C-alpha atoms as a PDB file:
ATOM      1  CA  MET A   1      44.111  24.701  -0.558  1.00  0.00           C
ATOM      2  CA  ALA A   2      42.339  27.415  -2.506  1.00  0.00           C
ATOM      3  CA  LYS A   3      38.638  26.893  -3.078  1.00  0.00           C
ATOM      4  CA  PHE A   4      37.566  26.638  -6.701  1.00  0.00           C
ATOM      5  CA  GLN A   5      36.047  30.029  -7.432  1.00  0.00           C
ATOM      6  CA  ASP A   6      32.940  28.794  -9.261  1.00  0.00           C
ATOM      7  CA  HIS A   7      32.334  25.646  -7.195  1.00  0.00           C
ATOM      8  CA  PRO A   8      28.559  25.011  -6.929  1.00  0.00           C
ATOM      9  CA  ALA A   9      26.990  25.316  -3.497  1.00  0.00           C
ATOM     10  CA  ILE A  10      26.622  21.993  -1.677  1.00  0.00           C
ATOM     11  CA  PRO A  11      24.042  21.707   1.124  1.00  0.00           C
ATOM     12  CA  SER A  12      24.944  20.152   4.454  1.00  0.00           C
ATOM     13  CA  PRO A  13      24.713  16.336   4.417  1.00  0.00           C
ATOM     14  CA  ARG A  14      21.332  15.000   5.472  1.00  0.00           C
ATOM     15  CA  ILE A  15      19.374  11.726   5.416  1.00  0.00           C
ATOM     16  CA  GLY A  16      16.131  11.150   3.543  1.00  0.00           C
ATOM     17  CA  VAL A  17      13.252   8.763   4.160  1.00  0.00           C
ATOM     18  CA  LEU A  18      10.867   8.313   1.249  1.00  0.00           C
ATOM     19  CA  ILE A  19       7.695   6.399   2.074  1.00  0.00           C
ATOM     20  CA  VAL A  20       6.041   5.019  -1.048  1.00  0.00           C
ATOM     21  CA  ASN A  21       2.553   3.789  -1.804  1.00  0.00           C
ATOM     22  CA  LEU A  22       0.870   2.518  -4.954  1.00  0.00           C
ATOM     23  CA  GLY A  23      -0.685   5.644  -6.399  1.00  0.00           C
ATOM     24  CA  THR A  24      -3.937   7.245  -7.421  1.00  0.00           C
ATOM     25  CA  PRO A  25      -5.480   9.324 -10.213  1.00  0.00           C
ATOM     26  CA  ASP A  26      -5.350  13.094  -9.821  1.00  0.00           C
ATOM     27  CA  ALA A  27      -9.153  13.319  -9.938  1.00  0.00           C
ATOM     28  CA  PRO A  28     -12.197  11.013  -9.973  1.00  0.00           C
ATOM     29  CA  GLU A  29     -12.668  11.646 -13.676  1.00  0.00           C
ATOM     30  CA  ALA A  30     -12.372   9.308 -16.637  1.00  0.00           C
ATOM     31  CA  GLY A  31      -9.447  11.194 -18.198  1.00  0.00           C
ATOM     32  CA  ALA A  32      -7.374  11.191 -15.015  1.00  0.00           C
ATOM     33  CA  VAL A  33      -8.207   7.550 -14.358  1.00  0.00           C
ATOM     34  CA  ARG A  34      -7.210   6.641 -17.917  1.00  0.00           C
ATOM     35  CA  ARG A  35      -3.783   8.263 -17.489  1.00  0.00           C
ATOM     36  CA  TYR A  36      -3.290   6.475 -14.179  1.00  0.00           C
ATOM     37  CA  LEU A  37      -4.368   3.073 -15.528  1.00  0.00           C
ATOM     38  CA  ARG A  38      -2.188   3.447 -18.603  1.00  0.00           C
ATOM     39  CA  GLN A  39       0.888   3.839 -16.405  1.00  0.00           C
ATOM     40  CA  PHE A  40      -0.167   1.232 -13.854  1.00  0.00           C
ATOM     41  CA  LEU A  41      -1.203  -1.482 -16.291  1.00  0.00           C
ATOM     42  CA  SER A  42       1.801  -0.923 -18.550  1.00  0.00           C
ATOM     43  CA  ASP A  43       4.167  -1.948 -15.745  1.00  0.00           C
ATOM     44  CA  ARG A  44       5.748  -5.293 -16.636  1.00  0.00           C
ATOM     45  CA  ARG A  45       5.769  -6.197 -12.933  1.00  0.00           C
ATOM     46  CA  VAL A  46       2.003  -5.730 -12.717  1.00  0.00           C
ATOM     47  CA  VAL A  47       0.977  -7.420 -15.954  1.00  0.00           C
ATOM     48  CA  GLU A  48       3.479 -10.080 -16.984  1.00  0.00           C
ATOM     49  CA  ILE A  49       1.950 -10.742 -20.403  1.00  0.00           C
ATOM     50  CA  PRO A  50       4.378  -9.862 -23.251  1.00  0.00           C
ATOM     51  CA  PRO A  51       3.735  -6.248 -24.310  1.00  0.00           C
ATOM     52  CA  PHE A  52       3.100  -7.134 -27.959  1.00  0.00           C
ATOM     53  CA  LEU A  53       0.119  -9.187 -26.769  1.00  0.00           C
ATOM     54  CA  TRP A  54      -0.988  -7.022 -23.870  1.00  0.00           C
ATOM     55  CA  GLN A  55      -0.714  -3.453 -25.189  1.00  0.00           C
ATOM     56  CA  PRO A  56      -3.354  -3.866 -27.954  1.00  0.00           C
ATOM     57  CA  ILE A  57      -5.773  -5.233 -25.320  1.00  0.00           C
ATOM     58  CA  LEU A  58      -4.925  -2.446 -22.890  1.00  0.00           C
ATOM     59  CA  ARG A  59      -5.189   0.404 -25.395  1.00  0.00           C
ATOM     60  CA  GLY A  60      -7.945  -1.044 -27.545  1.00  0.00           C
ATOM     61  CA  ILE A  61     -10.360  -2.291 -24.882  1.00  0.00           C
ATOM     62  CA  ILE A  62      -9.450  -1.664 -21.241  1.00  0.00           C
ATOM     63  CA  LEU A  63      -8.521   2.020 -21.466  1.00  0.00           C
ATOM     64  CA  ASN A  64     -11.718   2.689 -23.421  1.00  0.00           C
ATOM     65  CA  VAL A  65     -14.045   0.838 -21.028  1.00  0.00           C
ATOM     66  CA  ARG A  66     -12.613   0.729 -17.516  1.00  0.00           C
ATOM     67  CA  PRO A  67     -11.841   4.445 -16.789  1.00  0.00           C
ATOM     68  CA  LYS A  68     -15.489   5.548 -16.649  1.00  0.00           C
ATOM     69  CA  LYS A  69     -16.430   2.708 -14.310  1.00  0.00           C
ATOM     70  CA  SER A  70     -13.390   3.265 -12.104  1.00  0.00           C
ATOM     71  CA  ALA A  71     -13.998   7.017 -12.018  1.00  0.00           C
ATOM     72  CA  HIS A  72     -17.469   6.355 -10.602  1.00  0.00           C
ATOM     73  CA  ALA A  73     -15.932   4.154  -7.912  1.00  0.00           C
ATOM     74  CA  TYR A  74     -13.320   6.789  -7.032  1.00  0.00           C
ATOM     75  CA  ALA A  75     -16.034   9.457  -6.800  1.00  0.00           C
ATOM     76  CA  GLN A  76     -17.704   7.493  -4.021  1.00  0.00           C
ATOM     77  CA  VAL A  77     -14.632   7.690  -1.761  1.00  0.00           C
ATOM     78  CA  TRP A  78     -13.089  11.026  -2.835  1.00  0.00           C
ATOM     79  CA  SER A  79     -12.924  13.657  -0.116  1.00  0.00           C
ATOM     80  CA  GLU A  80     -12.133  17.349   0.251  1.00  0.00           C
ATOM     81  CA  ASP A  81      -8.498  16.288   0.688  1.00  0.00           C
ATOM     82  CA  GLY A  82      -8.639  14.373  -2.588  1.00  0.00           C
ATOM     83  CA  SER A  83      -7.830  10.712  -2.944  1.00  0.00           C
ATOM     84  CA  PRO A  84      -7.922   8.937   0.436  1.00  0.00           C
ATOM     85  CA  LEU A  85      -4.685   7.085  -0.331  1.00  0.00           C
ATOM     86  CA  ALA A  86      -2.846  10.279  -1.255  1.00  0.00           C
ATOM     87  CA  ALA A  87      -4.208  12.197   1.730  1.00  0.00           C
ATOM     88  CA  ILE A  88      -3.394   9.471   4.251  1.00  0.00           C
ATOM     89  CA  THR A  89       0.106   8.853   2.881  1.00  0.00           C
ATOM     90  CA  ARG A  90       0.768  12.592   3.057  1.00  0.00           C
ATOM     91  CA  ARG A  91      -0.391  12.628   6.685  1.00  0.00           C
ATOM     92  CA  GLN A  92       1.783   9.622   7.507  1.00  0.00           C
ATOM     93  CA  ALA A  93       4.830  11.458   6.207  1.00  0.00           C
ATOM     94  CA  GLY A  94       3.809  14.563   8.152  1.00  0.00           C
ATOM     95  CA  ALA A  95       3.367  12.575  11.359  1.00  0.00           C
ATOM     96  CA  LEU A  96       6.921  11.240  10.978  1.00  0.00           C
ATOM     97  CA  LYS A  97       8.457  14.689  10.570  1.00  0.00           C
ATOM     98  CA  GLY A  98      11.123  15.153  13.239  1.00  0.00           C
ATOM     99  CA  ALA A  99      10.812  11.543  14.434  1.00  0.00           C
ATOM    100  CA  PHE A 100      14.445  10.764  13.579  1.00  0.00           C
ATOM    101  CA  GLY A 101      16.110  14.075  14.368  1.00  0.00           C
ATOM    102  CA  GLU A 102      16.671  17.356  12.572  1.00  0.00           C
ATOM    103  CA  SER A 103      19.058  15.854  10.025  1.00  0.00           C
ATOM    104  CA  VAL A 104      16.411  13.499   8.586  1.00  0.00           C
ATOM    105  CA  ILE A 105      13.828  14.601   6.009  1.00  0.00           C
ATOM    106  CA  VAL A 106      10.713  12.444   5.592  1.00  0.00           C
ATOM    107  CA  ASP A 107       8.904  12.687   2.265  1.00  0.00           C
ATOM    108  CA  HIS A 108       6.365  10.602   0.354  1.00  0.00           C
ATOM    109  CA  ALA A 109       5.809   9.449  -3.222  1.00  0.00           C
ATOM    110  CA  MET A 110       3.553   7.279  -5.342  1.00  0.00           C
ATOM    111  CA  ARG A 111       4.683   4.543  -7.694  1.00  0.00           C
ATOM    112  CA  TYR A 112       2.034   5.601 -10.224  1.00  0.00           C
ATOM    113  CA  GLY A 113       0.781   9.129 -10.515  1.00  0.00           C
ATOM    114  CA  ARG A 114       2.067  12.004  -8.397  1.00  0.00           C
ATOM    115  CA  PRO A 115       4.241  12.825  -6.556  1.00  0.00           C
ATOM    116  CA  ALA A 116       6.536  10.549  -8.552  1.00  0.00           C
ATOM    117  CA  ILE A 117       9.349   8.577  -6.933  1.00  0.00           C
ATOM    118  CA  GLY A 118      12.068  10.000  -9.187  1.00  0.00           C
ATOM    119  CA  GLU A 119      10.859  13.543  -8.557  1.00  0.00           C
ATOM    120  CA  ARG A 120      10.998  13.159  -4.780  1.00  0.00           C
ATOM    121  CA  ILE A 121      14.395  11.422  -4.785  1.00  0.00           C
ATOM    122  CA  ALA A 122      15.751  14.382  -6.750  1.00  0.00           C
ATOM    123  CA  ALA A 123      14.132  16.794  -4.280  1.00  0.00           C
ATOM    124  CA  LEU A 124      15.686  14.985  -1.320  1.00  0.00           C
ATOM    125  CA  LYS A 125      19.086  15.024  -3.006  1.00  0.00           C
ATOM    126  CA  ASP A 126      18.763  18.757  -3.682  1.00  0.00           C
ATOM    127  CA  GLN A 127      18.196  19.230   0.051  1.00  0.00           C
ATOM    128  CA  GLY A 128      21.471  17.500   0.855  1.00  0.00           C
ATOM    129  CA  CYS A 129      20.300  13.924   1.397  1.00  0.00           C
ATOM    130  CA  GLU A 130      23.353  11.820   0.611  1.00  0.00           C
ATOM    131  CA  ARG A 131      21.659   8.739   2.097  1.00  0.00           C
ATOM    132  CA  ILE A 132      18.043   7.819   1.385  1.00  0.00           C
ATOM    133  CA  LEU A 133      15.857   5.023   2.748  1.00  0.00           C
ATOM    134  CA  ILE A 134      13.237   3.987   0.194  1.00  0.00           C
ATOM    135  CA  ALA A 135      10.290   2.595   2.175  1.00  0.00           C
ATOM    136  CA  PRO A 136       7.533   0.906   0.151  1.00  0.00           C
ATOM    137  CA  LEU A 137       4.635   0.588   2.598  1.00  0.00           C
ATOM    138  CA  TYR A 138       3.726  -2.976   1.634  1.00  0.00           C
ATOM    139  CA  PRO A 139       3.954  -5.296   4.655  1.00  0.00           C
ATOM    140  CA  GLN A 140       3.841  -8.420   2.484  1.00  0.00           C
ATOM    141  CA  TYR A 141       6.444  -8.581  -0.288  1.00  0.00           C
ATOM    142  CA  CYS A 142       5.177  -8.858  -3.840  1.00  0.00           C
ATOM    143  CA  ALA A 143       7.024  -8.231  -7.094  1.00  0.00           C
ATOM    144  CA  ALA A 144       4.056  -6.195  -8.353  1.00  0.00           C
ATOM    145  CA  THR A 145       4.226  -3.810  -5.386  1.00  0.00           C
ATOM    146  CA  THR A 146       7.490  -3.761  -3.409  1.00  0.00           C
ATOM    147  CA  ALA A 147       9.776  -4.639  -6.305  1.00  0.00           C
ATOM    148  CA  THR A 148       8.287  -2.193  -8.775  1.00  0.00           C
ATOM    149  CA  ALA A 149       8.586   0.665  -6.260  1.00  0.00           C
ATOM    150  CA  ASN A 150      12.268  -0.180  -5.854  1.00  0.00           C
ATOM    151  CA  ASP A 151      12.610  -0.465  -9.645  1.00  0.00           C
ATOM    152  CA  ALA A 152      11.379   3.103 -10.040  1.00  0.00           C
ATOM    153  CA  ALA A 153      13.833   4.331  -7.421  1.00  0.00           C
ATOM    154  CA  PHE A 154      16.772   2.589  -9.071  1.00  0.00           C
ATOM    155  CA  ALA A 155      15.723   3.890 -12.498  1.00  0.00           C
ATOM    156  CA  ALA A 156      15.849   7.418 -11.086  1.00  0.00           C
ATOM    157  CA  LEU A 157      19.311   6.765  -9.667  1.00  0.00           C
ATOM    158  CA  ALA A 158      20.527   5.585 -13.073  1.00  0.00           C
ATOM    159  CA  ALA A 159      19.976   9.104 -14.399  1.00  0.00           C
ATOM    160  CA  MET A 160      21.845  10.851 -11.558  1.00  0.00           C
ATOM    161  CA  ARG A 161      25.497  11.878 -11.690  1.00  0.00           C
ATOM    162  CA  TRP A 162      25.902  12.036  -7.893  1.00  0.00           C
ATOM    163  CA  GLN A 163      23.847   9.200  -6.511  1.00  0.00           C
ATOM    164  CA  PRO A 164      22.861   9.089  -2.858  1.00  0.00           C
ATOM    165  CA  ALA A 165      23.480   5.883  -0.940  1.00  0.00           C
ATOM    166  CA  ILE A 166      20.284   3.830  -0.888  1.00  0.00           C
ATOM    167  CA  ARG A 167      18.626   1.391   1.483  1.00  0.00           C
ATOM    168  CA  THR A 168      15.220  -0.213   0.947  1.00  0.00           C
ATOM    169  CA  LEU A 169      12.682  -1.223   3.574  1.00  0.00           C
ATOM    170  CA  PRO A 170      12.234  -5.014   3.674  1.00  0.00           C
ATOM    171  CA  PRO A 171       8.776  -6.592   4.052  1.00  0.00           C
ATOM    172  CA  TYR A 172       7.482  -6.411   7.605  1.00  0.00           C
ATOM    173  CA  HIS A 173       4.609  -8.914   7.461  1.00  0.00           C
ATOM    174  CA  ASP A 174       5.761 -10.706  10.637  1.00  0.00           C
ATOM    175  CA  ASP A 175       7.462  -7.834  12.439  1.00  0.00           C
ATOM    176  CA  PRO A 176       6.389  -7.733  16.108  1.00  0.00           C
ATOM    177  CA  ALA A 177       5.802  -3.971  15.878  1.00  0.00           C
ATOM    178  CA  TYR A 178       3.472  -4.446  12.905  1.00  0.00           C
ATOM    179  CA  ILE A 179       1.532  -7.294  14.517  1.00  0.00           C
ATOM    180  CA  ALA A 180       1.230  -5.293  17.760  1.00  0.00           C
ATOM    181  CA  ALA A 181      -0.128  -2.290  15.832  1.00  0.00           C
ATOM    182  CA  LEU A 182      -2.650  -4.479  13.992  1.00  0.00           C
ATOM    183  CA  LYS A 183      -3.729  -6.032  17.290  1.00  0.00           C
ATOM    184  CA  ALA A 184      -4.232  -2.642  18.960  1.00  0.00           C
ATOM    185  CA  SER A 185      -6.138  -1.285  15.948  1.00  0.00           C
ATOM    186  CA  LEU A 186      -8.334  -4.379  15.596  1.00  0.00           C
ATOM    187  CA  GLU A 187      -9.255  -4.575  19.272  1.00  0.00           C
ATOM    188  CA  SER A 188      -9.993  -0.858  19.463  1.00  0.00           C
ATOM    189  CA  ALA A 189     -12.256  -1.039  16.399  1.00  0.00           C
ATOM    190  CA  LEU A 190     -14.096  -4.122  17.672  1.00  0.00           C
ATOM    191  CA  GLU A 191     -14.821  -2.407  20.988  1.00  0.00           C
ATOM    192  CA  LYS A 192     -16.643   0.366  19.140  1.00  0.00           C
ATOM    193  CA  LEU A 193     -19.018  -1.966  17.272  1.00  0.00           C
ATOM    194  CA  ASP A 194     -22.633  -2.288  18.368  1.00  0.00           C
ATOM    195  CA  PHE A 195     -22.578  -6.023  17.561  1.00  0.00           C
ATOM    196  CA  ALA A 196     -20.343  -9.006  18.225  1.00  0.00           C
ATOM    197  CA  PRO A 197     -19.117 -10.459  14.917  1.00  0.00           C
ATOM    198  CA  ASP A 198     -19.573 -14.153  14.216  1.00  0.00           C
ATOM    199  CA  ALA A 199     -16.377 -14.049  12.173  1.00  0.00           C
ATOM    200  CA  ILE A 200     -13.427 -11.807  11.366  1.00  0.00           C
ATOM    201  CA  LEU A 201     -12.276 -11.872   7.756  1.00  0.00           C
ATOM    202  CA  ALA A 202      -8.867 -10.553   6.694  1.00  0.00           C
ATOM    203  CA  SER A 203      -8.921  -9.520   3.048  1.00  0.00           C
ATOM    204  CA  PHE A 204      -5.621  -9.139   1.207  1.00  0.00           C
ATOM    205  CA  HIS A 205      -5.169  -7.828  -2.306  1.00  0.00           C
ATOM    206  CA  GLY A 206      -5.270 -10.694  -4.770  1.00  0.00           C
ATOM    207  CA  MET A 207      -2.503 -11.794  -7.111  1.00  0.00           C
ATOM    208  CA  PRO A 208      -2.530 -14.320  -9.952  1.00  0.00           C
ATOM    209  CA  GLU A 209      -1.851 -17.816  -8.651  1.00  0.00           C
ATOM    210  CA  ARG A 210       1.011 -17.987 -11.150  1.00  0.00           C
ATOM    211  CA  THR A 211       2.986 -15.528  -9.014  1.00  0.00           C
ATOM    212  CA  LEU A 212       3.064 -18.077  -6.188  1.00  0.00           C
ATOM    213  CA  GLN A 213       4.231 -20.796  -8.565  1.00  0.00           C
ATOM    214  CA  LEU A 214       7.014 -18.518  -9.818  1.00  0.00           C
ATOM    215  CA  GLY A 215       8.331 -18.025  -6.288  1.00  0.00           C
ATOM    216  CA  ASP A 216       6.705 -14.803  -5.122  1.00  0.00           C
ATOM    217  CA  PRO A 217       6.383 -15.042  -1.280  1.00  0.00           C
ATOM    218  CA  TYR A 218       3.290 -12.836  -1.121  1.00  0.00           C
ATOM    219  CA  HIS A 219       0.748 -15.599  -0.437  1.00  0.00           C
ATOM    220  CA  CYS A 220       2.870 -17.020   2.395  1.00  0.00           C
ATOM    221  CA  HIS A 221       3.434 -13.565   3.872  1.00  0.00           C
ATOM    222  CA  CYS A 222      -0.318 -12.871   3.927  1.00  0.00           C
ATOM    223  CA  ARG A 223      -1.072 -16.177   5.591  1.00  0.00           C
ATOM    224  CA  LYS A 224       1.613 -15.611   8.211  1.00  0.00           C
ATOM    225  CA  THR A 225       0.346 -12.124   9.023  1.00  0.00           C
ATOM    226  CA  ALA A 226      -3.153 -13.478   9.601  1.00  0.00           C
ATOM    227  CA  ARG A 227      -1.858 -16.365  11.714  1.00  0.00           C
ATOM    228  CA  LEU A 228       0.258 -14.097  13.913  1.00  0.00           C
ATOM    229  CA  LEU A 229      -2.608 -11.629  14.338  1.00  0.00           C
ATOM    230  CA  SER A 230      -4.913 -14.486  15.272  1.00  0.00           C
ATOM    231  CA  GLU A 231      -2.442 -15.710  17.870  1.00  0.00           C
ATOM    232  CA  ALA A 232      -1.919 -12.181  19.235  1.00  0.00           C
ATOM    233  CA  THR A 233      -5.640 -11.485  19.641  1.00  0.00           C
ATOM    234  CA  GLY A 234      -6.792 -14.986  20.540  1.00  0.00           C
ATOM    235  CA  ARG A 235      -9.427 -14.753  17.787  1.00  0.00           C
ATOM    236  CA  GLU A 236      -9.938 -16.901  14.722  1.00  0.00           C
ATOM    237  CA  ILE A 237      -9.225 -14.894  11.577  1.00  0.00           C
ATOM    238  CA  GLN A 238     -10.194 -16.148   8.140  1.00  0.00           C
ATOM    239  CA  VAL A 239      -8.242 -15.135   5.026  1.00  0.00           C
ATOM    240  CA  ALA A 240      -9.472 -14.170   1.563  1.00  0.00           C
ATOM    241  CA  PHE A 241      -8.118 -12.321  -1.479  1.00  0.00           C
ATOM    242  CA  GLN A 242      -9.828  -9.485  -3.346  1.00  0.00           C
ATOM    243  CA  SER A 243      -9.569  -7.484  -6.586  1.00  0.00           C
ATOM    244  CA  ARG A 244      -9.440 -10.215  -9.216  1.00  0.00           C
ATOM    245  CA  PHE A 245      -8.804  -8.983 -12.744  1.00  0.00           C
ATOM    246  CA  GLY A 246      -8.860 -10.846 -16.056  1.00  0.00           C
ATOM    247  CA  ARG A 247      -9.305 -14.530 -16.787  1.00  0.00           C
ATOM    248  CA  ALA A 248      -6.233 -15.949 -15.037  1.00  0.00           C
ATOM    249  CA  LYS A 249      -6.656 -18.067 -11.911  1.00  0.00           C
ATOM    250  CA  TRP A 250      -6.073 -15.914  -8.821  1.00  0.00           C
ATOM    251  CA  LEU A 251      -5.221 -16.686  -5.216  1.00  0.00           C
ATOM    252  CA  GLU A 252      -8.181 -18.116  -3.337  1.00  0.00           C
ATOM    253  CA  PRO A 253     -10.543 -17.972  -1.602  1.00  0.00           C
ATOM    254  CA  ALA A 254     -11.985 -14.831  -3.159  1.00  0.00           C
ATOM    255  CA  THR A 255     -13.259 -12.178  -0.762  1.00  0.00           C
ATOM    256  CA  ASP A 256     -16.555 -11.537  -2.563  1.00  0.00           C
ATOM    257  CA  ALA A 257     -17.357 -15.256  -2.824  1.00  0.00           C
ATOM    258  CA  THR A 258     -16.405 -15.813   0.818  1.00  0.00           C
ATOM    259  CA  LEU A 259     -18.688 -13.010   2.016  1.00  0.00           C
ATOM    260  CA  ALA A 260     -21.569 -14.272  -0.117  1.00  0.00           C
ATOM    261  CA  ALA A 261     -21.228 -17.791   1.303  1.00  0.00           C
ATOM    262  CA  MET A 262     -20.989 -16.812   4.969  1.00  0.00           C
ATOM    263  CA  PRO A 263     -24.719 -16.285   5.759  1.00  0.00           C
ATOM    264  CA  GLY A 264     -25.487 -19.737   4.366  1.00  0.00           C
ATOM    265  CA  ARG A 265     -23.060 -21.141   6.924  1.00  0.00           C
ATOM    266  CA  GLY A 266     -24.724 -19.293   9.785  1.00  0.00           C
ATOM    267  CA  ILE A 267     -22.308 -16.349   9.824  1.00  0.00           C
ATOM    268  CA  ARG A 268     -24.602 -13.323   9.731  1.00  0.00           C
ATOM    269  CA  LYS A 269     -22.387 -10.782  11.471  1.00  0.00           C
ATOM    270  CA  VAL A 270     -18.908 -10.104  10.136  1.00  0.00           C
ATOM    271  CA  ALA A 271     -16.031  -7.703  10.720  1.00  0.00           C
ATOM    272  CA  LEU A 272     -13.675  -7.189   7.799  1.00  0.00           C
ATOM    273  CA  VAL A 273     -10.045  -6.034   8.041  1.00  0.00           C
ATOM    274  CA  ALA A 274      -7.439  -5.374   5.343  1.00  0.00           C
ATOM    275  CA  PRO A 275      -4.001  -5.907   6.941  1.00  0.00           C
ATOM    276  CA  GLY A 276      -2.121  -5.759   3.642  1.00  0.00           C
ATOM    277  CA  PHE A 277      -3.004  -2.094   3.051  1.00  0.00           C
ATOM    278  CA  SER A 278      -1.034   0.538   4.960  1.00  0.00           C
ATOM    279  CA  ALA A 279      -3.636   3.174   4.084  1.00  0.00           C
ATOM    280  CA  ASP A 280      -7.289   3.090   3.145  1.00  0.00           C
ATOM    281  CA  CYS A 281      -7.893   3.467  -0.570  1.00  0.00           C
ATOM    282  CA  LEU A 282     -10.305   2.565  -3.362  1.00  0.00           C
ATOM    283  CA  GLU A 283      -9.834  -1.156  -2.765  1.00  0.00           C
ATOM    284  CA  THR A 284     -10.790  -0.893   0.912  1.00  0.00           C
ATOM    285  CA  LEU A 285     -13.315   1.969   1.004  1.00  0.00           C
ATOM    286  CA  GLU A 286     -15.247   1.121  -2.167  1.00  0.00           C
ATOM    287  CA  GLU A 287     -14.570  -2.537  -2.910  1.00  0.00           C
ATOM    288  CA  LEU A 288     -14.770  -3.777   0.688  1.00  0.00           C
ATOM    289  CA  ALA A 289     -16.697  -1.218   2.746  1.00  0.00           C
ATOM    290  CA  ILE A 290     -19.343  -0.544   0.074  1.00  0.00           C
ATOM    291  CA  ARG A 291     -19.552  -3.448  -2.375  1.00  0.00           C
ATOM    292  CA  GLY A 292     -18.447  -6.040   0.162  1.00  0.00           C
ATOM    293  CA  LYS A 293     -21.169  -4.917   2.544  1.00  0.00           C
ATOM    294  CA  GLU A 294     -23.793  -4.934  -0.207  1.00  0.00           C
ATOM    295  CA  GLY A 295     -22.892  -8.483  -1.238  1.00  0.00           C
ATOM    296  CA  PHE A 296     -22.881  -9.772   2.324  1.00  0.00           C
ATOM    297  CA  LEU A 297     -26.244  -8.231   3.235  1.00  0.00           C
ATOM    298  CA  ALA A 298     -27.804  -9.358  -0.045  1.00  0.00           C
ATOM    299  CA  ALA A 299     -26.746 -12.923   0.771  1.00  0.00           C
ATOM    300  CA  GLY A 300     -28.584 -12.807   4.116  1.00  0.00           C
ATOM    301  CA  GLY A 301     -26.093 -11.187   6.463  1.00  0.00           C
ATOM    302  CA  THR A 302     -27.426  -8.837   9.131  1.00  0.00           C
ATOM    303  CA  ASP A 303     -24.398  -6.885  10.407  1.00  0.00           C
ATOM    304  CA  PHE A 304     -21.252  -5.845   8.568  1.00  0.00           C
ATOM    305  CA  ALA A 305     -18.341  -3.648   9.647  1.00  0.00           C
ATOM    306  CA  TYR A 306     -15.253  -2.654   7.724  1.00  0.00           C
ATOM    307  CA  LEU A 307     -12.459  -1.840  10.195  1.00  0.00           C
ATOM    308  CA  PRO A 308     -10.029   0.885   9.048  1.00  0.00           C
ATOM    309  CA  CYS A 309      -6.410   0.314   8.083  1.00  0.00           C
ATOM    310  CA  LEU A 310      -3.610   1.518  10.341  1.00  0.00           C
ATOM    311  CA  ASN A 311      -3.459   4.776   8.345  1.00  0.00           C
ATOM    312  CA  ASP A 312      -1.989   7.656  10.358  1.00  0.00           C
ATOM    313  CA  SER A 313      -3.372   6.378  13.678  1.00  0.00           C
ATOM    314  CA  SER A 314      -1.125   6.466  16.727  1.00  0.00           C
ATOM    315  CA  PRO A 315      -0.396   2.699  16.580  1.00  0.00           C
ATOM    316  CA  GLY A 316       0.250   2.938  12.844  1.00  0.00           C
ATOM    317  CA  VAL A 317       2.628   5.898  13.041  1.00  0.00           C
ATOM    318  CA  GLU A 318       4.494   4.437  16.014  1.00  0.00           C
ATOM    319  CA  MET A 319       4.930   1.177  14.105  1.00  0.00           C
ATOM    320  CA  LEU A 320       6.354   3.047  11.107  1.00  0.00           C
ATOM    321  CA  ARG A 321       8.677   5.045  13.344  1.00  0.00           C
ATOM    322  CA  SER A 322       9.958   1.812  14.899  1.00  0.00           C
ATOM    323  CA  ILE A 323      10.646  -0.126  11.711  1.00  0.00           C
ATOM    324  CA  LEU A 324      12.094   2.873   9.874  1.00  0.00           C
ATOM    325  CA  ALA A 325      14.417   3.738  12.773  1.00  0.00           C
ATOM    326  CA  ARG A 326      15.723   0.170  12.671  1.00  0.00           C
ATOM    327  CA  GLU A 327      16.572   0.480   8.982  1.00  0.00           C
ATOM    328  CA  LEU A 328      18.273   3.841   9.588  1.00  0.00           C
ATOM    329  CA  ALA A 329      20.591   2.329  12.197  1.00  0.00           C
ATOM    330  CA  GLY A 330      24.201   3.227  11.486  1.00  0.00           C
ATOM    331  CA  TRP A 331      23.162   6.308   9.531  1.00  0.00           C
ATOM    332  CA  LEU A 332      21.642   8.234  12.415  1.00  0.00           C
ATOM    333  CA  PRO A 333      23.928   9.993  14.903  1.00  0.00           C
ATOM    334  CA  ALA A 334      24.402   8.036  18.139  1.00  0.00           C
ATOM    335  CA  SER A 335      21.882   9.206  20.713  1.00  0.00           C
END
């Protein structure tokens, strides 16, 4: 059969893996933060108030007040590599390069900000990826995190003539590989402390209590992660939820209130972990490591340690390689 003379070039078939995290402003400046917050807080998955009620509040009050304060917080954790979340996610993708063979391209994207999910899906497709695994790096499933990342991916597909086949990474809150990585990271970090903590507190990102009532499994996933980590390490691990926003009732107990109450209960030395975050970010490095420490010490605590997330550590990267390889099964060539 004769080849069509002007047929466009088609690259060799490949497989893509796109790891996705929440996102970050481009700079620790009010303007960049305002653009980021406008996109983030306009997501119907994140704020479930009807837009005709919410948008005037967002544009009239929040985007005129919050960016300057948030920019100051970002400035405290910004590094030469930029946003910690962006830098770590980029390193995670780099550490996974070649992990699944030469035919697999690993890339990264952010749900809000850059690099955008749609942009990177298009880039993977241009490189010949006819099958793509979308991997939101949220161990515990939540509509405001996992689902909205998948939404963005599917919205990008809706605009494509030749769509790649798509798989999505399920939550891995109770995956043995994830619990084993948390255990190794926690025990290694505790060994390096110059004090023995009276308590270990696991802080997860908060969500409105209404999300639990509507059927979101996030609260249960967080509790199960903490229970399994406690069983794996043989240590008691308390659970709290951080980052409350607005007047709605949020999941409890609150991290800041829990830390403030601990010294009064005789807990003066604490180690804090954040198992729900795959990479350190503003919420861990500023809210927990800085403000959490200040609140705990001001309440009478004597020793405080924030223990890093899995990030691009060896246990963290090996865990990602394991769970991603499982989801690629059937796509990868037989070894």
